[in-house]
Amino acid sequence: MQRKPHALIVMSSESFAAHFDSVRLARLADLVTLDELLFTDSLDGPGERARLADAEVLITSWGAPMLTPELLAAAPALRAVLHCAGSVRHLVGDEVWRRGIRVASAADANAVPVAQYTLAAVILAGKKAPFLAADEQRAYQGWGPVITGYGDLSNFDRTVGIVGFSRIGRKVVELLKVLEGTTCLVADPYADPAEVEQAGATLVPLDELLLRADVLSLHAPELPETWHMIGAKELNLLPDHATVINTARGSLIDSEALAVECASGRLHAILDVTDPEPLPVDSPLRNLPGVMITPHIAGSLGSEIRRLTDHTLDELDRWIARQPLHHEITAEDWALGRHA
């Protein structure tokens, strides 16, 4: 019988409760050896360090401490870090690849609710539903056919621009197929045109996308070169009545420039992320009827978190069987800023 590897769950108590019900704990126990210290949010105490010394695989999530070179030196047996959440940017560093430790994340599973949120936002944006609901002056003035000043209230024959052909961007493109007559454009300097076309979109330069997009949805990573990639110049290229959707990172947009456009009524925005987050009380983006802000809820919440657990347990099963991991993060990914 194959020896089961020693594992340690490293995450906050809230994360542990969300990730592991009795069914998933039982599955985990079938795969690995779990000692009395079932999970921990700290690796500093003598008991935690003793368990860390034996651990061959860490199951991590929100609340896990940064795996510093010092902590990794205290984990001589460690061979894999499987993250039950999205980005590992604040969890690991170069030392893990120098040591040859395998790293995988559940970012692909976490992309599902974000893509679903984005699809819902695109559909609501087509009808300008959030903005009409927030416009008290129009709340009781007529019905659909007589509404003016919002552009074409339609989800037919529209153009949606996707910036960033990431995991989420790709899933959004695929979900948008439910909208009849929708043209989907993608801007991403690293994307393969054939892969974009296969997903159901067309790869174009960013400026061309902006000029044509009725809805602009951002799915690029947060990197120095993507900071404020959508600023006053780019926003000015968008057609009148276009809607900007951001479920990626707040820093991708120049918030002040967006506030100017939305205050004028020319553009609208649906923002699940902002810069800073949360926005200050006196932010010009607050209280504009043309802006809908949600508190970073697009990612996995509630029962959706168990999808991440299942994804990670599947990866653990493959790792134990010495099969290829489906969503491994390599040293090359890390160097290119792909942390999820």
C-alpha atoms as a PDB file:
ATOM      1  CA  MET A   1       0.000   0.000   0.000  1.00  0.00           C
ATOM      2  CA  GLN A   2       1.373   3.432  -0.952  1.00  0.00           C
ATOM      3  CA  ARG A   3       2.400   5.590   1.994  1.00  0.00           C
ATOM      4  CA  LYS A   4       0.236   8.661   2.367  1.00  0.00           C
ATOM      5  CA  PRO A   5       2.196  11.938   2.394  1.00  0.00           C
ATOM      6  CA  HIS A   6       2.121  14.180   5.453  1.00  0.00           C
ATOM      7  CA  ALA A   7       0.043  17.314   4.907  1.00  0.00           C
ATOM      8  CA  LEU A   8      -0.650  20.485   6.836  1.00  0.00           C
ATOM      9  CA  ILE A   9      -3.555  22.865   6.220  1.00  0.00           C
ATOM     10  CA  VAL A  10      -2.424  26.490   6.557  1.00  0.00           C
ATOM     11  CA  MET A  11      -5.183  29.096   6.499  1.00  0.00           C
ATOM     12  CA  SER A  12      -7.368  31.168   8.806  1.00  0.00           C
ATOM     13  CA  SER A  13     -10.075  29.505  10.889  1.00  0.00           C
ATOM     14  CA  GLU A  14     -12.718  31.286   8.795  1.00  0.00           C
ATOM     15  CA  SER A  15     -11.186  29.921   5.603  1.00  0.00           C
ATOM     16  CA  PHE A  16     -10.944  26.421   7.040  1.00  0.00           C
ATOM     17  CA  ALA A  17     -14.624  26.451   8.001  1.00  0.00           C
ATOM     18  CA  ALA A  18     -15.594  27.656   4.536  1.00  0.00           C
ATOM     19  CA  HIS A  19     -13.407  25.169   2.665  1.00  0.00           C
ATOM     20  CA  PHE A  20     -13.809  21.948   4.599  1.00  0.00           C
ATOM     21  CA  ASP A  21     -17.072  20.310   5.524  1.00  0.00           C
ATOM     22  CA  SER A  22     -17.142  16.706   6.772  1.00  0.00           C
ATOM     23  CA  VAL A  23     -17.288  15.280   3.239  1.00  0.00           C
ATOM     24  CA  ARG A  24     -14.210  17.175   2.043  1.00  0.00           C
ATOM     25  CA  LEU A  25     -12.290  16.493   5.249  1.00  0.00           C
ATOM     26  CA  ALA A  26     -12.972  12.794   4.803  1.00  0.00           C
ATOM     27  CA  ARG A  27     -11.710  12.938   1.222  1.00  0.00           C
ATOM     28  CA  LEU A  28      -8.585  14.780   2.353  1.00  0.00           C
ATOM     29  CA  ALA A  29      -7.947  12.184   5.078  1.00  0.00           C
ATOM     30  CA  ASP A  30      -8.139   9.438   2.448  1.00  0.00           C
ATOM     31  CA  LEU A  31      -5.391  11.136   0.469  1.00  0.00           C
ATOM     32  CA  VAL A  32      -2.911  12.334   3.105  1.00  0.00           C
ATOM     33  CA  THR A  33      -1.791  11.864   6.681  1.00  0.00           C
ATOM     34  CA  LEU A  34      -3.239  14.540   8.975  1.00  0.00           C
ATOM     35  CA  ASP A  35      -1.959  14.847  12.538  1.00  0.00           C
ATOM     36  CA  GLU A  36      -3.661  16.368  15.573  1.00  0.00           C
ATOM     37  CA  LEU A  37      -2.791  19.853  14.368  1.00  0.00           C
ATOM     38  CA  LEU A  38      -5.345  19.787  11.570  1.00  0.00           C
ATOM     39  CA  PHE A  39      -4.916  23.394  10.455  1.00  0.00           C
ATOM     40  CA  THR A  40      -3.077  26.510  11.541  1.00  0.00           C
ATOM     41  CA  ASP A  41      -2.924  30.179  10.571  1.00  0.00           C
ATOM     42  CA  SER A  42       0.597  30.562  11.981  1.00  0.00           C
ATOM     43  CA  LEU A  43       3.837  28.685  11.476  1.00  0.00           C
ATOM     44  CA  ASP A  44       5.774  30.408  14.244  1.00  0.00           C
ATOM     45  CA  GLY A  45       5.134  28.275  17.356  1.00  0.00           C
ATOM     46  CA  PRO A  46       7.148  25.153  18.280  1.00  0.00           C
ATOM     47  CA  GLY A  47       4.185  22.857  17.607  1.00  0.00           C
ATOM     48  CA  GLU A  48       3.569  24.382  14.205  1.00  0.00           C
ATOM     49  CA  ARG A  49       7.272  24.249  13.339  1.00  0.00           C
ATOM     50  CA  ALA A  50       7.384  20.571  14.294  1.00  0.00           C
ATOM     51  CA  ARG A  51       4.490  19.821  11.947  1.00  0.00           C
ATOM     52  CA  LEU A  52       6.024  22.008   9.251  1.00  0.00           C
ATOM     53  CA  ALA A  53       9.229  19.996   9.459  1.00  0.00           C
ATOM     54  CA  ASP A  54       7.318  16.817   8.546  1.00  0.00           C
ATOM     55  CA  ALA A  55       4.966  18.326   5.972  1.00  0.00           C
ATOM     56  CA  GLU A  56       5.388  17.164   2.391  1.00  0.00           C
ATOM     57  CA  VAL A  57       2.447  19.188   1.095  1.00  0.00           C
ATOM     58  CA  LEU A  58       0.799  22.377   2.352  1.00  0.00           C
ATOM     59  CA  ILE A  59      -2.872  23.038   1.645  1.00  0.00           C
ATOM     60  CA  THR A  60      -3.178  26.832   1.847  1.00  0.00           C
ATOM     61  CA  SER A  61      -5.783  29.541   1.439  1.00  0.00           C
ATOM     62  CA  TRP A  62      -6.716  33.002   2.703  1.00  0.00           C
ATOM     63  CA  GLY A  63      -5.003  33.741   5.997  1.00  0.00           C
ATOM     64  CA  ALA A  64      -1.866  31.700   5.314  1.00  0.00           C
ATOM     65  CA  PRO A  65       1.397  33.481   6.172  1.00  0.00           C
ATOM     66  CA  MET A  66       3.985  34.292   3.536  1.00  0.00           C
ATOM     67  CA  LEU A  67       6.255  31.283   2.990  1.00  0.00           C
ATOM     68  CA  THR A  68       9.501  33.129   3.580  1.00  0.00           C
ATOM     69  CA  PRO A  69      12.933  31.570   2.988  1.00  0.00           C
ATOM     70  CA  GLU A  70      13.141  31.132   6.779  1.00  0.00           C
ATOM     71  CA  LEU A  71       9.901  29.140   6.909  1.00  0.00           C
ATOM     72  CA  LEU A  72      10.880  27.096   3.875  1.00  0.00           C
ATOM     73  CA  ALA A  73      14.203  26.272   5.515  1.00  0.00           C
ATOM     74  CA  ALA A  74      12.170  24.830   8.396  1.00  0.00           C
ATOM     75  CA  ALA A  75      10.298  22.589   5.939  1.00  0.00           C
ATOM     76  CA  PRO A  76      12.963  20.252   4.525  1.00  0.00           C
ATOM     77  CA  ALA A  77      10.408  17.657   3.374  1.00  0.00           C
ATOM     78  CA  LEU A  78       8.114  20.092   1.583  1.00  0.00           C
ATOM     79  CA  ARG A  79       7.453  19.154  -2.045  1.00  0.00           C
ATOM     80  CA  ALA A  80       4.192  20.912  -2.952  1.00  0.00           C
ATOM     81  CA  VAL A  81       2.066  23.929  -2.055  1.00  0.00           C
ATOM     82  CA  LEU A  82      -1.545  23.624  -3.229  1.00  0.00           C
ATOM     83  CA  HIS A  83      -3.455  26.866  -2.822  1.00  0.00           C
ATOM     84  CA  CYS A  84      -7.250  26.715  -2.351  1.00  0.00           C
ATOM     85  CA  ALA A  85      -7.656  30.272  -3.640  1.00  0.00           C
ATOM     86  CA  GLY A  86      -6.541  32.487  -6.514  1.00  0.00           C
ATOM     87  CA  SER A  87      -3.293  34.425  -6.625  1.00  0.00           C
ATOM     88  CA  VAL A  88      -0.230  33.135  -4.754  1.00  0.00           C
ATOM     89  CA  ARG A  89       1.573  36.472  -5.061  1.00  0.00           C
ATOM     90  CA  HIS A  90       1.479  37.098  -1.299  1.00  0.00           C
ATOM     91  CA  LEU A  91       2.168  33.468  -0.396  1.00  0.00           C
ATOM     92  CA  VAL A  92       5.314  32.306  -2.176  1.00  0.00           C
ATOM     93  CA  GLY A  93       8.510  33.735  -3.615  1.00  0.00           C
ATOM     94  CA  ASP A  94      11.457  32.733  -5.769  1.00  0.00           C
ATOM     95  CA  GLU A  95      12.739  30.337  -3.098  1.00  0.00           C
ATOM     96  CA  VAL A  96      10.003  27.783  -3.772  1.00  0.00           C
ATOM     97  CA  TRP A  97      11.154  27.285  -7.373  1.00  0.00           C
ATOM     98  CA  ARG A  98      14.803  27.265  -6.375  1.00  0.00           C
ATOM     99  CA  ARG A  99      13.886  24.398  -4.062  1.00  0.00           C
ATOM    100  CA  GLY A 100      11.894  22.642  -6.787  1.00  0.00           C
ATOM    101  CA  ILE A 101       8.675  22.825  -4.767  1.00  0.00           C
ATOM    102  CA  ARG A 102       5.554  22.423  -6.927  1.00  0.00           C
ATOM    103  CA  VAL A 103       2.930  25.180  -6.701  1.00  0.00           C
ATOM    104  CA  ALA A 104      -0.671  25.102  -7.910  1.00  0.00           C
ATOM    105  CA  SER A 105      -3.643  27.350  -7.297  1.00  0.00           C
ATOM    106  CA  ALA A 106      -7.409  27.152  -7.636  1.00  0.00           C
ATOM    107  CA  ALA A 107      -7.506  30.299  -9.747  1.00  0.00           C
ATOM    108  CA  ASP A 108      -9.277  28.488 -12.568  1.00  0.00           C
ATOM    109  CA  ALA A 109     -12.097  27.475 -10.231  1.00  0.00           C
ATOM    110  CA  ASN A 110     -12.205  30.966  -8.755  1.00  0.00           C
ATOM    111  CA  ALA A 111     -12.554  32.351 -12.284  1.00  0.00           C
ATOM    112  CA  VAL A 112     -15.989  30.755 -12.641  1.00  0.00           C
ATOM    113  CA  PRO A 113     -18.000  33.113 -10.375  1.00  0.00           C
ATOM    114  CA  VAL A 114     -16.040  36.151 -11.603  1.00  0.00           C
ATOM    115  CA  ALA A 115     -16.911  35.290 -15.201  1.00  0.00           C
ATOM    116  CA  GLN A 116     -20.538  34.705 -14.220  1.00  0.00           C
ATOM    117  CA  TYR A 117     -20.650  38.076 -12.426  1.00  0.00           C
ATOM    118  CA  THR A 118     -19.159  39.706 -15.518  1.00  0.00           C
ATOM    119  CA  LEU A 119     -21.757  38.133 -17.801  1.00  0.00           C
ATOM    120  CA  ALA A 120     -24.507  39.426 -15.514  1.00  0.00           C
ATOM    121  CA  ALA A 121     -22.890  42.872 -15.500  1.00  0.00           C
ATOM    122  CA  VAL A 122     -22.698  42.904 -19.309  1.00  0.00           C
ATOM    123  CA  ILE A 123     -26.384  42.017 -19.578  1.00  0.00           C
ATOM    124  CA  LEU A 124     -27.432  44.631 -17.015  1.00  0.00           C
ATOM    125  CA  ALA A 125     -25.194  47.192 -18.735  1.00  0.00           C
ATOM    126  CA  GLY A 126     -26.930  46.521 -22.040  1.00  0.00           C
ATOM    127  CA  LYS A 127     -30.228  47.598 -20.524  1.00  0.00           C
ATOM    128  CA  LYS A 128     -28.536  50.257 -18.317  1.00  0.00           C
ATOM    129  CA  ALA A 129     -30.540  48.673 -15.496  1.00  0.00           C
ATOM    130  CA  PRO A 130     -28.325  49.647 -12.492  1.00  0.00           C
ATOM    131  CA  PHE A 131     -28.102  53.245 -13.660  1.00  0.00           C
ATOM    132  CA  LEU A 132     -31.792  53.662 -14.384  1.00  0.00           C
ATOM    133  CA  ALA A 133     -32.537  52.192 -10.967  1.00  0.00           C
ATOM    134  CA  ALA A 134     -30.203  54.729  -9.339  1.00  0.00           C
ATOM    135  CA  ASP A 135     -31.523  57.701 -11.307  1.00  0.00           C
ATOM    136  CA  GLU A 136     -34.240  59.007  -9.003  1.00  0.00           C
ATOM    137  CA  GLN A 137     -35.337  61.658 -11.519  1.00  0.00           C
ATOM    138  CA  ARG A 138     -36.280  58.935 -13.992  1.00  0.00           C
ATOM    139  CA  ALA A 139     -37.609  56.399 -11.513  1.00  0.00           C
ATOM    140  CA  TYR A 140     -41.237  57.178 -12.222  1.00  0.00           C
ATOM    141  CA  GLN A 141     -41.026  58.708 -15.691  1.00  0.00           C
ATOM    142  CA  GLY A 142     -42.409  56.332 -18.266  1.00  0.00           C
ATOM    143  CA  TRP A 143     -41.260  52.936 -19.370  1.00  0.00           C
ATOM    144  CA  GLY A 144     -38.683  51.384 -21.714  1.00  0.00           C
ATOM    145  CA  PRO A 145     -39.500  52.814 -25.153  1.00  0.00           C
ATOM    146  CA  VAL A 146     -39.559  56.433 -23.951  1.00  0.00           C
ATOM    147  CA  ILE A 147     -36.290  56.398 -21.963  1.00  0.00           C
ATOM    148  CA  THR A 148     -33.721  58.738 -23.491  1.00  0.00           C
ATOM    149  CA  GLY A 149     -30.178  59.790 -22.676  1.00  0.00           C
ATOM    150  CA  TYR A 150     -28.834  56.276 -22.047  1.00  0.00           C
ATOM    151  CA  GLY A 151     -28.145  55.085 -25.557  1.00  0.00           C
ATOM    152  CA  ASP A 152     -29.501  51.870 -27.030  1.00  0.00           C
ATOM    153  CA  LEU A 153     -31.061  49.760 -24.247  1.00  0.00           C
ATOM    154  CA  SER A 154     -30.254  46.430 -25.867  1.00  0.00           C
ATOM    155  CA  ASN A 155     -28.271  43.218 -25.626  1.00  0.00           C
ATOM    156  CA  PHE A 156     -28.581  42.417 -29.335  1.00  0.00           C
ATOM    157  CA  ASP A 157     -26.004  43.280 -31.971  1.00  0.00           C
ATOM    158  CA  ARG A 158     -23.631  44.792 -29.408  1.00  0.00           C
ATOM    159  CA  THR A 159     -19.827  44.808 -29.157  1.00  0.00           C
ATOM    160  CA  VAL A 160     -18.120  43.713 -25.945  1.00  0.00           C
ATOM    161  CA  GLY A 161     -14.420  44.435 -25.507  1.00  0.00           C
ATOM    162  CA  ILE A 162     -12.368  42.139 -23.271  1.00  0.00           C
ATOM    163  CA  VAL A 163      -8.999  43.490 -22.119  1.00  0.00           C
ATOM    164  CA  GLY A 164      -6.829  40.580 -21.012  1.00  0.00           C
ATOM    165  CA  PHE A 165      -7.263  37.039 -22.314  1.00  0.00           C
ATOM    166  CA  SER A 166      -6.730  35.616 -18.846  1.00  0.00           C
ATOM    167  CA  ARG A 167      -8.475  32.596 -17.337  1.00  0.00           C
ATOM    168  CA  ILE A 168     -11.387  34.855 -16.498  1.00  0.00           C
ATOM    169  CA  GLY A 169     -11.261  36.756 -19.778  1.00  0.00           C
ATOM    170  CA  ARG A 170     -11.418  33.501 -21.724  1.00  0.00           C
ATOM    171  CA  LYS A 171     -14.370  32.249 -19.651  1.00  0.00           C
ATOM    172  CA  VAL A 172     -16.211  35.535 -20.196  1.00  0.00           C
ATOM    173  CA  VAL A 173     -15.727  35.225 -23.947  1.00  0.00           C
ATOM    174  CA  GLU A 174     -17.209  31.731 -23.840  1.00  0.00           C
ATOM    175  CA  LEU A 175     -20.172  32.815 -21.681  1.00  0.00           C
ATOM    176  CA  LEU A 176     -20.953  35.735 -23.975  1.00  0.00           C
ATOM    177  CA  LYS A 177     -22.016  33.265 -26.646  1.00  0.00           C
ATOM    178  CA  VAL A 178     -25.456  33.226 -24.976  1.00  0.00           C
ATOM    179  CA  LEU A 179     -26.006  36.796 -26.204  1.00  0.00           C
ATOM    180  CA  GLU A 180     -27.301  36.586 -29.746  1.00  0.00           C
ATOM    181  CA  GLY A 181     -25.536  38.799 -32.239  1.00  0.00           C
ATOM    182  CA  THR A 182     -22.791  39.885 -29.820  1.00  0.00           C
ATOM    183  CA  THR A 183     -19.396  40.723 -31.307  1.00  0.00           C
ATOM    184  CA  CYS A 184     -16.581  39.973 -28.880  1.00  0.00           C
ATOM    185  CA  LEU A 185     -13.187  41.669 -29.242  1.00  0.00           C
ATOM    186  CA  VAL A 186     -10.065  40.886 -27.207  1.00  0.00           C
ATOM    187  CA  ALA A 187      -7.005  43.075 -26.610  1.00  0.00           C
ATOM    188  CA  ASP A 188      -3.999  41.277 -25.142  1.00  0.00           C
ATOM    189  CA  PRO A 189      -0.410  41.606 -26.428  1.00  0.00           C
ATOM    190  CA  TYR A 190       0.428  38.067 -25.311  1.00  0.00           C
ATOM    191  CA  ALA A 191      -2.667  36.245 -26.610  1.00  0.00           C
ATOM    192  CA  ASP A 192      -2.582  33.792 -29.512  1.00  0.00           C
ATOM    193  CA  PRO A 193      -5.007  34.974 -32.239  1.00  0.00           C
ATOM    194  CA  ALA A 194      -5.961  31.368 -33.021  1.00  0.00           C
ATOM    195  CA  GLU A 195      -6.827  30.643 -29.379  1.00  0.00           C
ATOM    196  CA  VAL A 196      -8.872  33.833 -29.154  1.00  0.00           C
ATOM    197  CA  GLU A 197     -10.741  32.928 -32.319  1.00  0.00           C
ATOM    198  CA  GLN A 198     -11.371  29.403 -31.070  1.00  0.00           C
ATOM    199  CA  ALA A 199     -12.902  30.828 -27.890  1.00  0.00           C
ATOM    200  CA  GLY A 200     -15.279  32.957 -29.973  1.00  0.00           C
ATOM    201  CA  ALA A 201     -13.628  36.381 -30.205  1.00  0.00           C
ATOM    202  CA  THR A 202     -11.319  38.435 -32.419  1.00  0.00           C
ATOM    203  CA  LEU A 203      -7.931  39.727 -31.288  1.00  0.00           C
ATOM    204  CA  VAL A 204      -7.463  43.447 -32.056  1.00  0.00           C
ATOM    205  CA  PRO A 205      -5.245  46.314 -30.833  1.00  0.00           C
ATOM    206  CA  LEU A 206      -6.474  48.067 -27.699  1.00  0.00           C
ATOM    207  CA  ASP A 207      -7.300  51.354 -29.455  1.00  0.00           C
ATOM    208  CA  GLU A 208      -9.478  49.598 -32.028  1.00  0.00           C
ATOM    209  CA  LEU A 209     -11.283  47.706 -29.270  1.00  0.00           C
ATOM    210  CA  LEU A 210     -11.963  50.916 -27.356  1.00  0.00           C
ATOM    211  CA  LEU A 211     -13.382  52.678 -30.405  1.00  0.00           C
ATOM    212  CA  ARG A 212     -15.878  49.870 -31.000  1.00  0.00           C
ATOM    213  CA  ALA A 213     -16.844  48.626 -27.521  1.00  0.00           C
ATOM    214  CA  ASP A 214     -20.348  49.205 -26.179  1.00  0.00           C
ATOM    215  CA  VAL A 215     -19.130  47.417 -23.049  1.00  0.00           C
ATOM    216  CA  LEU A 216     -15.507  47.324 -21.888  1.00  0.00           C
ATOM    217  CA  SER A 217     -14.585  44.566 -19.417  1.00  0.00           C
ATOM    218  CA  LEU A 218     -11.143  44.412 -17.776  1.00  0.00           C
ATOM    219  CA  HIS A 219      -9.376  41.136 -16.993  1.00  0.00           C
ATOM    220  CA  ALA A 220      -5.689  42.081 -17.057  1.00  0.00           C
ATOM    221  CA  PRO A 221      -3.213  41.340 -14.232  1.00  0.00           C
ATOM    222  CA  GLU A 222      -1.940  43.991 -11.844  1.00  0.00           C
ATOM    223  CA  LEU A 223       1.572  44.809 -13.048  1.00  0.00           C
ATOM    224  CA  PRO A 224       3.628  48.009 -13.235  1.00  0.00           C
ATOM    225  CA  GLU A 225       2.892  48.211 -16.964  1.00  0.00           C
ATOM    226  CA  THR A 226      -0.875  47.816 -16.463  1.00  0.00           C
ATOM    227  CA  TRP A 227      -1.191  50.591 -13.863  1.00  0.00           C
ATOM    228  CA  HIS A 228      -3.830  53.054 -15.160  1.00  0.00           C
ATOM    229  CA  MET A 229      -3.793  51.326 -18.536  1.00  0.00           C
ATOM    230  CA  ILE A 230      -7.288  52.759 -18.963  1.00  0.00           C
ATOM    231  CA  GLY A 231      -6.844  56.488 -18.427  1.00  0.00           C
ATOM    232  CA  ALA A 232      -8.387  59.676 -19.787  1.00  0.00           C
ATOM    233  CA  LYS A 233      -7.065  59.058 -23.322  1.00  0.00           C
ATOM    234  CA  GLU A 234      -8.428  55.515 -23.464  1.00  0.00           C
ATOM    235  CA  LEU A 235     -11.779  56.426 -21.914  1.00  0.00           C
ATOM    236  CA  ASN A 236     -12.173  59.210 -24.449  1.00  0.00           C
ATOM    237  CA  LEU A 237     -11.982  56.631 -27.247  1.00  0.00           C
ATOM    238  CA  LEU A 238     -15.026  54.755 -25.992  1.00  0.00           C
ATOM    239  CA  PRO A 239     -18.352  55.461 -27.716  1.00  0.00           C
ATOM    240  CA  ASP A 240     -20.950  57.566 -25.936  1.00  0.00           C
ATOM    241  CA  HIS A 241     -23.044  55.554 -23.437  1.00  0.00           C
ATOM    242  CA  ALA A 242     -20.453  52.760 -23.187  1.00  0.00           C
ATOM    243  CA  THR A 243     -20.137  50.920 -19.859  1.00  0.00           C
ATOM    244  CA  VAL A 244     -16.825  50.071 -18.173  1.00  0.00           C
ATOM    245  CA  ILE A 245     -16.783  46.868 -16.073  1.00  0.00           C
ATOM    246  CA  ASN A 246     -13.877  46.079 -13.766  1.00  0.00           C
ATOM    247  CA  THR A 247     -13.673  42.794 -11.870  1.00  0.00           C
ATOM    248  CA  ALA A 248      -9.868  42.562 -12.082  1.00  0.00           C
ATOM    249  CA  ARG A 249      -7.840  45.157 -10.166  1.00  0.00           C
ATOM    250  CA  GLY A 250      -8.792  48.743  -9.346  1.00  0.00           C
ATOM    251  CA  SER A 251      -5.383  50.066 -10.367  1.00  0.00           C
ATOM    252  CA  LEU A 252      -6.046  49.226 -14.025  1.00  0.00           C
ATOM    253  CA  ILE A 253      -8.254  52.333 -14.286  1.00  0.00           C
ATOM    254  CA  ASP A 254      -7.498  55.975 -13.571  1.00  0.00           C
ATOM    255  CA  SER A 255     -10.349  56.510 -11.092  1.00  0.00           C
ATOM    256  CA  GLU A 256     -10.326  60.273 -11.400  1.00  0.00           C
ATOM    257  CA  ALA A 257     -10.589  60.165 -15.184  1.00  0.00           C
ATOM    258  CA  LEU A 258     -13.402  57.612 -14.965  1.00  0.00           C
ATOM    259  CA  ALA A 259     -15.263  59.775 -12.452  1.00  0.00           C
ATOM    260  CA  VAL A 260     -15.129  62.742 -14.831  1.00  0.00           C
ATOM    261  CA  GLU A 261     -16.602  60.705 -17.685  1.00  0.00           C
ATOM    262  CA  CYS A 262     -19.315  59.152 -15.525  1.00  0.00           C
ATOM    263  CA  ALA A 263     -20.242  62.468 -13.899  1.00  0.00           C
ATOM    264  CA  SER A 264     -20.806  63.920 -17.350  1.00  0.00           C
ATOM    265  CA  GLY A 265     -23.201  61.086 -18.171  1.00  0.00           C
ATOM    266  CA  ARG A 266     -21.184  60.046 -21.231  1.00  0.00           C
ATOM    267  CA  LEU A 267     -19.956  56.762 -19.742  1.00  0.00           C
ATOM    268  CA  HIS A 268     -21.209  54.345 -17.094  1.00  0.00           C
ATOM    269  CA  ALA A 269     -19.317  51.925 -14.875  1.00  0.00           C
ATOM    270  CA  ILE A 270     -19.844  48.715 -12.917  1.00  0.00           C
ATOM    271  CA  LEU A 271     -16.940  48.296 -10.506  1.00  0.00           C
ATOM    272  CA  ASP A 272     -16.352  45.320  -8.222  1.00  0.00           C
ATOM    273  CA  VAL A 273     -12.796  46.511  -7.525  1.00  0.00           C
ATOM    274  CA  THR A 274     -11.534  50.049  -6.955  1.00  0.00           C
ATOM    275  CA  ASP A 275      -8.313  51.914  -6.273  1.00  0.00           C
ATOM    276  CA  PRO A 276      -8.005  52.344  -3.368  1.00  0.00           C
ATOM    277  CA  GLU A 277     -10.262  49.666  -1.958  1.00  0.00           C
ATOM    278  CA  PRO A 278     -12.585  50.593  -0.422  1.00  0.00           C
ATOM    279  CA  LEU A 279     -12.973  54.028  -1.955  1.00  0.00           C
ATOM    280  CA  PRO A 280     -12.770  57.010   0.413  1.00  0.00           C
ATOM    281  CA  VAL A 281     -16.110  58.439   1.482  1.00  0.00           C
ATOM    282  CA  ASP A 282     -15.438  61.597  -0.524  1.00  0.00           C
ATOM    283  CA  SER A 283     -14.459  59.761  -3.723  1.00  0.00           C
ATOM    284  CA  PRO A 284     -16.110  61.374  -6.760  1.00  0.00           C
ATOM    285  CA  LEU A 285     -17.085  57.879  -7.974  1.00  0.00           C
ATOM    286  CA  ARG A 286     -19.426  57.444  -5.042  1.00  0.00           C
ATOM    287  CA  ASN A 287     -23.076  58.473  -5.343  1.00  0.00           C
ATOM    288  CA  LEU A 288     -23.023  58.891  -9.117  1.00  0.00           C
ATOM    289  CA  PRO A 289     -26.134  57.357 -10.696  1.00  0.00           C
ATOM    290  CA  GLY A 290     -23.971  56.219 -13.589  1.00  0.00           C
ATOM    291  CA  VAL A 291     -21.719  54.107 -11.369  1.00  0.00           C
ATOM    292  CA  MET A 292     -22.530  50.838  -9.627  1.00  0.00           C
ATOM    293  CA  ILE A 293     -19.969  49.710  -7.032  1.00  0.00           C
ATOM    294  CA  THR A 294     -20.036  46.302  -5.358  1.00  0.00           C
ATOM    295  CA  PRO A 295     -17.685  45.358  -2.467  1.00  0.00           C
ATOM    296  CA  HIS A 296     -15.347  42.893  -4.236  1.00  0.00           C
ATOM    297  CA  ILE A 297     -17.956  40.125  -4.359  1.00  0.00           C
ATOM    298  CA  ALA A 298     -17.355  38.707  -7.850  1.00  0.00           C
ATOM    299  CA  GLY A 299     -14.919  36.065  -6.609  1.00  0.00           C
ATOM    300  CA  SER A 300     -15.823  32.934  -4.680  1.00  0.00           C
ATOM    301  CA  LEU A 301     -18.023  33.467  -1.629  1.00  0.00           C
ATOM    302  CA  GLY A 302     -20.215  31.214   0.495  1.00  0.00           C
ATOM    303  CA  SER A 303     -20.794  27.778  -0.999  1.00  0.00           C
ATOM    304  CA  GLU A 304     -18.731  28.770  -4.059  1.00  0.00           C
ATOM    305  CA  ILE A 305     -15.611  28.361  -1.903  1.00  0.00           C
ATOM    306  CA  ARG A 306     -16.139  24.599  -1.805  1.00  0.00           C
ATOM    307  CA  ARG A 307     -15.593  24.564  -5.579  1.00  0.00           C
ATOM    308  CA  LEU A 308     -12.044  25.745  -4.821  1.00  0.00           C
ATOM    309  CA  THR A 309     -11.612  22.958  -2.274  1.00  0.00           C
ATOM    310  CA  ASP A 310     -12.759  20.319  -4.748  1.00  0.00           C
ATOM    311  CA  HIS A 311     -10.390  21.731  -7.356  1.00  0.00           C
ATOM    312  CA  THR A 312      -7.468  21.553  -4.911  1.00  0.00           C
ATOM    313  CA  LEU A 313      -8.296  18.025  -3.771  1.00  0.00           C
ATOM    314  CA  ASP A 314      -8.357  16.955  -7.426  1.00  0.00           C
ATOM    315  CA  GLU A 315      -4.890  18.484  -7.851  1.00  0.00           C
ATOM    316  CA  LEU A 316      -3.710  16.740  -4.678  1.00  0.00           C
ATOM    317  CA  ASP A 317      -4.951  13.429  -6.046  1.00  0.00           C
ATOM    318  CA  ARG A 318      -3.026  14.028  -9.282  1.00  0.00           C
ATOM    319  CA  TRP A 319       0.110  15.082  -7.402  1.00  0.00           C
ATOM    320  CA  ILE A 320       0.072  11.932  -5.275  1.00  0.00           C
ATOM    321  CA  ALA A 321      -0.421   9.812  -8.411  1.00  0.00           C
ATOM    322  CA  ARG A 322       2.519  11.664 -10.049  1.00  0.00           C
ATOM    323  CA  GLN A 323       0.267  12.898 -12.810  1.00  0.00           C
ATOM    324  CA  PRO A 324       0.595  16.371 -14.390  1.00  0.00           C
ATOM    325  CA  LEU A 325      -1.092  19.113 -12.383  1.00  0.00           C
ATOM    326  CA  HIS A 326      -3.801  20.876 -14.338  1.00  0.00           C
ATOM    327  CA  HIS A 327      -3.131  24.344 -12.934  1.00  0.00           C
ATOM    328  CA  GLU A 328       0.489  24.433 -11.861  1.00  0.00           C
ATOM    329  CA  ILE A 329       2.291  27.763 -11.531  1.00  0.00           C
ATOM    330  CA  THR A 330       5.777  27.472 -12.955  1.00  0.00           C
ATOM    331  CA  ALA A 331       8.869  29.581 -12.486  1.00  0.00           C
ATOM    332  CA  GLU A 332       8.204  31.044 -15.940  1.00  0.00           C
ATOM    333  CA  ASP A 333       4.651  31.984 -14.945  1.00  0.00           C
ATOM    334  CA  TRP A 334       6.012  33.666 -11.842  1.00  0.00           C
ATOM    335  CA  ALA A 335       8.608  35.633 -13.802  1.00  0.00           C
ATOM    336  CA  LEU A 336       5.891  36.898 -16.185  1.00  0.00           C
ATOM    337  CA  GLY A 337       3.664  38.037 -13.322  1.00  0.00           C
ATOM    338  CA  ARG A 338       1.151  35.208 -13.712  1.00  0.00           C
ATOM    339  CA  HIS A 339       0.611  34.562  -9.997  1.00  0.00           C
ATOM    340  CA  ALA A 340      -2.680  32.691 -10.280  1.00  0.00           C
END
